[in-house]
Amino acid sequence: MSRMALLDNIRNRSVPAQWDEMKRAALALGIQPQLCDVHRPDDIEAAFKTAIAGRADALSVGNDSVVIANRRQI
């Protein structure tokens, strides 16, 4: 695995710290991190397209309320 995407809502107060931790850990392992930001349900499809365009090998899904409420779509 060389690229990993995080699907989460960066506007959520706890997410920037989680994103910073994920970036540090990924980079330490030689993995390129990518944020796929989701603020509302309509952003989910675009977030997946961003991950695909960025050639993400893996996807981590956050626990923001927008993400949780739309877990079936995800």
C-alpha atoms as a PDB file:
ATOM      1  CA  MET A   1       0.000   0.000   0.000  1.00  0.00           C
ATOM      2  CA  SER A   2       1.415   3.363  -0.976  1.00  0.00           C
ATOM      3  CA  ARG A   3      -1.593   5.681  -0.729  1.00  0.00           C
ATOM      4  CA  MET A   4      -4.356   5.926   1.873  1.00  0.00           C
ATOM      5  CA  ALA A   5      -7.389   8.224   1.871  1.00  0.00           C
ATOM      6  CA  LEU A   6      -9.373   9.466   4.858  1.00  0.00           C
ATOM      7  CA  LEU A   7     -13.058  10.131   4.259  1.00  0.00           C
ATOM      8  CA  ASP A   8     -14.153  12.541   6.982  1.00  0.00           C
ATOM      9  CA  ASN A   9     -15.510  16.014   7.738  1.00  0.00           C
ATOM     10  CA  ILE A  10     -12.559  18.324   8.409  1.00  0.00           C
ATOM     11  CA  ARG A  11     -14.984  20.954   9.775  1.00  0.00           C
ATOM     12  CA  ASN A  12     -15.708  18.702  12.758  1.00  0.00           C
ATOM     13  CA  ARG A  13     -13.622  19.995  15.677  1.00  0.00           C
ATOM     14  CA  SER A  14     -12.028  16.627  16.415  1.00  0.00           C
ATOM     15  CA  VAL A  15     -11.158  15.707  12.841  1.00  0.00           C
ATOM     16  CA  PRO A  16      -8.171  18.025  12.220  1.00  0.00           C
ATOM     17  CA  ALA A  17      -6.271  16.408  15.101  1.00  0.00           C
ATOM     18  CA  GLN A  18      -7.208  12.926  13.828  1.00  0.00           C
ATOM     19  CA  TRP A  19      -6.117  13.907  10.316  1.00  0.00           C
ATOM     20  CA  ASP A  20      -2.782  15.209  11.637  1.00  0.00           C
ATOM     21  CA  GLU A  21      -2.194  11.915  13.476  1.00  0.00           C
ATOM     22  CA  MET A  22      -3.096   9.875  10.412  1.00  0.00           C
ATOM     23  CA  LYS A  23      -0.757  11.960   8.249  1.00  0.00           C
ATOM     24  CA  ARG A  24       2.146  11.543  10.676  1.00  0.00           C
ATOM     25  CA  ALA A  25       1.612   7.790  10.969  1.00  0.00           C
ATOM     26  CA  ALA A  26       1.161   7.301   7.231  1.00  0.00           C
ATOM     27  CA  LEU A  27       4.240   9.304   6.319  1.00  0.00           C
ATOM     28  CA  ALA A  28       6.305   7.436   8.913  1.00  0.00           C
ATOM     29  CA  LEU A  29       5.293   4.213   7.146  1.00  0.00           C
ATOM     30  CA  GLY A  30       6.018   5.599   3.685  1.00  0.00           C
ATOM     31  CA  ILE A  31       2.330   5.951   2.827  1.00  0.00           C
ATOM     32  CA  GLN A  32       0.973   9.049   1.089  1.00  0.00           C
ATOM     33  CA  PRO A  33      -2.133  10.306   2.976  1.00  0.00           C
ATOM     34  CA  GLN A  34      -5.049  11.982   1.219  1.00  0.00           C
ATOM     35  CA  LEU A  35      -8.048  13.760   2.751  1.00  0.00           C
ATOM     36  CA  CYS A  36     -11.447  13.247   1.130  1.00  0.00           C
ATOM     37  CA  ASP A  37     -13.528  15.898   2.845  1.00  0.00           C
ATOM     38  CA  VAL A  38     -17.266  15.324   3.359  1.00  0.00           C
ATOM     39  CA  HIS A  39     -19.402  18.158   4.761  1.00  0.00           C
ATOM     40  CA  ARG A  40     -22.781  16.925   3.529  1.00  0.00           C
ATOM     41  CA  PRO A  41     -24.222  13.811   1.904  1.00  0.00           C
ATOM     42  CA  ASP A  42     -23.808  15.274  -1.582  1.00  0.00           C
ATOM     43  CA  ASP A  43     -20.025  15.311  -1.031  1.00  0.00           C
ATOM     44  CA  ILE A  44     -19.700  11.536  -0.660  1.00  0.00           C
ATOM     45  CA  GLU A  45     -19.610  10.654  -4.342  1.00  0.00           C
ATOM     46  CA  ALA A  46     -17.043  13.392  -5.036  1.00  0.00           C
ATOM     47  CA  ALA A  47     -14.941  12.155  -2.104  1.00  0.00           C
ATOM     48  CA  PHE A  48     -14.794   8.668  -3.613  1.00  0.00           C
ATOM     49  CA  LYS A  49     -13.885  10.134  -7.003  1.00  0.00           C
ATOM     50  CA  THR A  50     -11.087  12.090  -5.305  1.00  0.00           C
ATOM     51  CA  ALA A  51      -9.785   8.909  -3.656  1.00  0.00           C
ATOM     52  CA  ILE A  52      -9.907   7.052  -6.967  1.00  0.00           C
ATOM     53  CA  ALA A  53      -8.219   9.906  -8.847  1.00  0.00           C
ATOM     54  CA  GLY A  54      -5.543   9.977  -6.149  1.00  0.00           C
ATOM     55  CA  ARG A  55      -5.085   6.215  -6.631  1.00  0.00           C
ATOM     56  CA  ALA A  56      -5.770   5.421  -2.978  1.00  0.00           C
ATOM     57  CA  ASP A  57      -5.004   1.813  -2.107  1.00  0.00           C
ATOM     58  CA  ALA A  58      -7.038   1.999   1.096  1.00  0.00           C
ATOM     59  CA  LEU A  59      -9.778   4.134   2.591  1.00  0.00           C
ATOM     60  CA  SER A  60     -10.228   5.009   6.237  1.00  0.00           C
ATOM     61  CA  VAL A  61     -13.701   6.245   7.138  1.00  0.00           C
ATOM     62  CA  GLY A  62     -14.023   8.719   9.997  1.00  0.00           C
ATOM     63  CA  ASN A  63     -16.746   8.893  12.609  1.00  0.00           C
ATOM     64  CA  ASP A  64     -18.207  12.331  11.957  1.00  0.00           C
ATOM     65  CA  SER A  65     -22.010  12.563  12.214  1.00  0.00           C
ATOM     66  CA  VAL A  66     -22.328  13.207   8.448  1.00  0.00           C
ATOM     67  CA  VAL A  67     -20.290  10.103   7.725  1.00  0.00           C
ATOM     68  CA  ILE A  68     -22.148   7.960  10.250  1.00  0.00           C
ATOM     69  CA  ALA A  69     -25.577   9.118   9.064  1.00  0.00           C
ATOM     70  CA  ASN A  70     -24.645   8.130   5.489  1.00  0.00           C
ATOM     71  CA  ARG A  71     -22.818   4.875   6.169  1.00  0.00           C
ATOM     72  CA  ARG A  72     -25.118   2.874   3.864  1.00  0.00           C
ATOM     73  CA  GLN A  73     -24.260   5.111   0.920  1.00  0.00           C
ATOM     74  CA  ILE A  74     -20.575   4.898   1.799  1.00  0.00           C
END
